[in-house]
Amino acid sequence: MTCPFCTSTPTFIASNESAFAIADGFPISKGHTLVIPKRCVESLFDLDDNERERVWDLVNEVRSLLHDAHSADGFNIGLNDGAAAGQTVMHAHVHVIPRYIDDCDDPRGGVRWICPERADYWSEQ
């Protein structure tokens, strides 16, 4: 399968020597951004230490840009590492997802909601 990150010419939100940031094509919030290593690898853990560090540097920069641009109240930052974890584009990437007060009924648990039946650990079972 052809990698969409390697075959398109997206508009960069930010970039550095090892990574670039683009708007997510299917955003779940205003400002949802992907930080993508320039080298096409399936897992962030396939990058060398320097490349991985530059990716996280760019995540930090993008978070700051999005905070200022969209007045985000919080962020979910994460990645899907492997098909079993929900990865559908097999080129490593980090989601930077701005969150806003009242953007959902109850944001508690954040990324734990990937497995809804296990997410609510604070209520009586």
C-alpha atoms as a PDB file:
ATOM      1  CA  MET A   1       0.000   0.000   0.000  1.00  0.00           C
ATOM      2  CA  THR A   2       1.242   3.480  -0.843  1.00  0.00           C
ATOM      3  CA  CYS A   3       2.005   5.742   2.102  1.00  0.00           C
ATOM      4  CA  PRO A   4      -0.180   8.864   1.971  1.00  0.00           C
ATOM      5  CA  PHE A   5       2.402  10.874   3.928  1.00  0.00           C
ATOM      6  CA  CYS A   6       5.145  10.031   1.417  1.00  0.00           C
ATOM      7  CA  THR A   7       3.133  10.570  -1.763  1.00  0.00           C
ATOM      8  CA  SER A   8       1.341  13.843  -1.048  1.00  0.00           C
ATOM      9  CA  THR A   9       2.604  17.387  -0.781  1.00  0.00           C
ATOM     10  CA  PRO A  10       0.775  18.706   2.267  1.00  0.00           C
ATOM     11  CA  THR A  11       1.090  22.189   3.695  1.00  0.00           C
ATOM     12  CA  PHE A  12       3.431  22.072   6.671  1.00  0.00           C
ATOM     13  CA  ILE A  13       2.308  23.700   9.900  1.00  0.00           C
ATOM     14  CA  ALA A  14       5.876  23.348  11.182  1.00  0.00           C
ATOM     15  CA  SER A  15       8.948  21.248  10.448  1.00  0.00           C
ATOM     16  CA  ASN A  16      12.487  20.492  11.491  1.00  0.00           C
ATOM     17  CA  GLU A  17      15.299  18.353  10.084  1.00  0.00           C
ATOM     18  CA  SER A  18      13.602  15.057  11.017  1.00  0.00           C
ATOM     19  CA  ALA A  19       9.844  15.692  11.093  1.00  0.00           C
ATOM     20  CA  PHE A  20       6.971  17.758   9.771  1.00  0.00           C
ATOM     21  CA  ALA A  21       3.528  18.670  11.074  1.00  0.00           C
ATOM     22  CA  ILE A  22       0.316  18.752   9.046  1.00  0.00           C
ATOM     23  CA  ALA A  23      -3.376  19.171   9.758  1.00  0.00           C
ATOM     24  CA  ASP A  24      -5.103  15.830  10.297  1.00  0.00           C
ATOM     25  CA  GLY A  25      -7.251  14.915   7.297  1.00  0.00           C
ATOM     26  CA  PHE A  26     -10.028  13.680   9.592  1.00  0.00           C
ATOM     27  CA  PRO A  27      -9.757  15.982  12.629  1.00  0.00           C
ATOM     28  CA  ILE A  28     -11.604  15.187  15.831  1.00  0.00           C
ATOM     29  CA  SER A  29     -11.159  18.741  17.127  1.00  0.00           C
ATOM     30  CA  LYS A  30     -10.265  22.181  15.821  1.00  0.00           C
ATOM     31  CA  GLY A  31      -6.491  22.159  15.244  1.00  0.00           C
ATOM     32  CA  HIS A  32      -5.947  18.358  15.311  1.00  0.00           C
ATOM     33  CA  THR A  33      -2.419  17.984  13.933  1.00  0.00           C
ATOM     34  CA  LEU A  34      -0.107  15.107  13.019  1.00  0.00           C
ATOM     35  CA  VAL A  35       3.640  15.177  13.639  1.00  0.00           C
ATOM     36  CA  ILE A  36       5.299  12.816  11.179  1.00  0.00           C
ATOM     37  CA  PRO A  37       8.919  11.705  10.886  1.00  0.00           C
ATOM     38  CA  LYS A  38      10.421  12.419   7.481  1.00  0.00           C
ATOM     39  CA  ARG A  39      11.858   8.906   7.318  1.00  0.00           C
ATOM     40  CA  CYS A  40       9.102   6.406   6.544  1.00  0.00           C
ATOM     41  CA  VAL A  41       9.055   3.846   9.357  1.00  0.00           C
ATOM     42  CA  GLU A  42       6.053   2.017  10.809  1.00  0.00           C
ATOM     43  CA  SER A  43       6.850   2.665  14.443  1.00  0.00           C
ATOM     44  CA  LEU A  44       8.228   5.699  16.217  1.00  0.00           C
ATOM     45  CA  PHE A  45      10.507   3.185  17.931  1.00  0.00           C
ATOM     46  CA  ASP A  46      12.138   2.328  14.570  1.00  0.00           C
ATOM     47  CA  LEU A  47      13.674   5.812  14.475  1.00  0.00           C
ATOM     48  CA  ASP A  48      17.137   6.483  15.830  1.00  0.00           C
ATOM     49  CA  ASP A  49      17.417   8.444  19.075  1.00  0.00           C
ATOM     50  CA  ASN A  50      18.099  11.770  17.336  1.00  0.00           C
ATOM     51  CA  GLU A  51      15.146  11.421  14.935  1.00  0.00           C
ATOM     52  CA  ARG A  52      12.815  10.441  17.778  1.00  0.00           C
ATOM     53  CA  GLU A  53      14.001  13.403  19.853  1.00  0.00           C
ATOM     54  CA  ARG A  54      13.359  15.792  16.931  1.00  0.00           C
ATOM     55  CA  VAL A  55       9.837  14.351  16.557  1.00  0.00           C
ATOM     56  CA  TRP A  56       9.121  15.105  20.231  1.00  0.00           C
ATOM     57  CA  ASP A  57      10.696  18.569  19.853  1.00  0.00           C
ATOM     58  CA  LEU A  58       8.198  19.224  17.058  1.00  0.00           C
ATOM     59  CA  VAL A  59       5.305  17.868  19.152  1.00  0.00           C
ATOM     60  CA  ASN A  60       6.269  20.443  21.778  1.00  0.00           C
ATOM     61  CA  GLU A  61       6.409  23.236  19.179  1.00  0.00           C
ATOM     62  CA  VAL A  62       3.070  22.241  17.639  1.00  0.00           C
ATOM     63  CA  ARG A  63       1.377  22.074  21.032  1.00  0.00           C
ATOM     64  CA  SER A  64       2.539  25.607  21.737  1.00  0.00           C
ATOM     65  CA  LEU A  65       1.406  26.857  18.313  1.00  0.00           C
ATOM     66  CA  LEU A  66      -2.019  25.244  18.708  1.00  0.00           C
ATOM     67  CA  HIS A  67      -2.432  26.552  22.231  1.00  0.00           C
ATOM     68  CA  ASP A  68      -1.817  30.088  21.023  1.00  0.00           C
ATOM     69  CA  ALA A  69      -3.812  29.789  17.776  1.00  0.00           C
ATOM     70  CA  HIS A  70      -6.900  28.050  19.163  1.00  0.00           C
ATOM     71  CA  SER A  71      -6.882  28.850  22.898  1.00  0.00           C
ATOM     72  CA  ALA A  72      -7.035  25.126  23.649  1.00  0.00           C
ATOM     73  CA  ASP A  73      -7.911  24.207  27.222  1.00  0.00           C
ATOM     74  CA  GLY A  74      -5.978  20.924  27.130  1.00  0.00           C
ATOM     75  CA  PHE A  75      -4.447  18.350  24.792  1.00  0.00           C
ATOM     76  CA  ASN A  76      -4.467  14.652  24.056  1.00  0.00           C
ATOM     77  CA  ILE A  77      -1.125  13.616  22.584  1.00  0.00           C
ATOM     78  CA  GLY A  78      -0.586  10.068  21.433  1.00  0.00           C
ATOM     79  CA  LEU A  79       0.179   7.534  18.780  1.00  0.00           C
ATOM     80  CA  ASN A  80      -1.144   4.230  17.556  1.00  0.00           C
ATOM     81  CA  ASP A  81       1.807   1.836  17.403  1.00  0.00           C
ATOM     82  CA  GLY A  82       0.870  -1.169  15.279  1.00  0.00           C
ATOM     83  CA  ALA A  83      -2.324  -2.505  13.755  1.00  0.00           C
ATOM     84  CA  ALA A  84      -3.463  -4.031  17.072  1.00  0.00           C
ATOM     85  CA  ALA A  85      -3.313  -0.516  18.561  1.00  0.00           C
ATOM     86  CA  GLY A  86      -5.429   0.939  15.761  1.00  0.00           C
ATOM     87  CA  GLN A  87      -2.682   2.205  13.447  1.00  0.00           C
ATOM     88  CA  THR A  88      -4.109   2.437   9.924  1.00  0.00           C
ATOM     89  CA  VAL A  89      -1.396   4.479   8.183  1.00  0.00           C
ATOM     90  CA  MET A  90       1.789   2.485   8.561  1.00  0.00           C
ATOM     91  CA  HIS A  91       4.064   5.517   8.709  1.00  0.00           C
ATOM     92  CA  ALA A  92       4.696   6.538  12.309  1.00  0.00           C
ATOM     93  CA  HIS A  93       2.939   9.712  13.434  1.00  0.00           C
ATOM     94  CA  VAL A  94       1.940  11.483  16.643  1.00  0.00           C
ATOM     95  CA  HIS A  95      -1.507  13.022  17.095  1.00  0.00           C
ATOM     96  CA  VAL A  96      -1.633  16.415  18.817  1.00  0.00           C
ATOM     97  CA  ILE A  97      -5.306  16.934  19.612  1.00  0.00           C
ATOM     98  CA  PRO A  98      -6.442  20.205  21.168  1.00  0.00           C
ATOM     99  CA  ARG A  99      -9.255  19.827  23.684  1.00  0.00           C
ATOM    100  CA  TYR A 100     -11.792  22.383  24.776  1.00  0.00           C
ATOM    101  CA  ILE A 101     -14.012  22.779  27.829  1.00  0.00           C
ATOM    102  CA  ASP A 102     -17.349  21.085  27.057  1.00  0.00           C
ATOM    103  CA  ASP A 103     -16.148  19.459  23.791  1.00  0.00           C
ATOM    104  CA  CYS A 104     -17.562  16.196  25.166  1.00  0.00           C
ATOM    105  CA  ASP A 105     -19.806  15.277  28.073  1.00  0.00           C
ATOM    106  CA  ASP A 106     -17.101  13.814  30.330  1.00  0.00           C
ATOM    107  CA  PRO A 107     -13.459  13.911  29.217  1.00  0.00           C
ATOM    108  CA  ARG A 108     -12.175  12.030  32.281  1.00  0.00           C
ATOM    109  CA  GLY A 109     -10.060   9.067  31.310  1.00  0.00           C
ATOM    110  CA  GLY A 110      -8.809  10.711  28.096  1.00  0.00           C
ATOM    111  CA  VAL A 111      -7.021   8.117  25.981  1.00  0.00           C
ATOM    112  CA  ARG A 112      -8.344   5.310  28.182  1.00  0.00           C
ATOM    113  CA  TRP A 113     -11.538   5.480  26.087  1.00  0.00           C
ATOM    114  CA  ILE A 114      -9.873   3.449  23.325  1.00  0.00           C
ATOM    115  CA  CYS A 115     -11.294   0.499  25.272  1.00  0.00           C
ATOM    116  CA  PRO A 116     -14.601   1.964  26.504  1.00  0.00           C
ATOM    117  CA  GLU A 117     -15.506  -0.997  28.706  1.00  0.00           C
ATOM    118  CA  ARG A 118     -12.322  -0.366  30.747  1.00  0.00           C
ATOM    119  CA  ALA A 119     -12.149   3.428  30.649  1.00  0.00           C
ATOM    120  CA  ASP A 120     -14.346   4.373  33.607  1.00  0.00           C
ATOM    121  CA  TYR A 121     -12.249   3.319  36.581  1.00  0.00           C
ATOM    122  CA  TRP A 122     -13.652   5.967  38.960  1.00  0.00           C
ATOM    123  CA  SER A 123     -17.281   4.805  39.148  1.00  0.00           C
ATOM    124  CA  GLU A 124     -18.491   1.900  41.203  1.00  0.00           C
ATOM    125  CA  GLN A 125     -18.313  -1.307  39.210  1.00  0.00           C
END
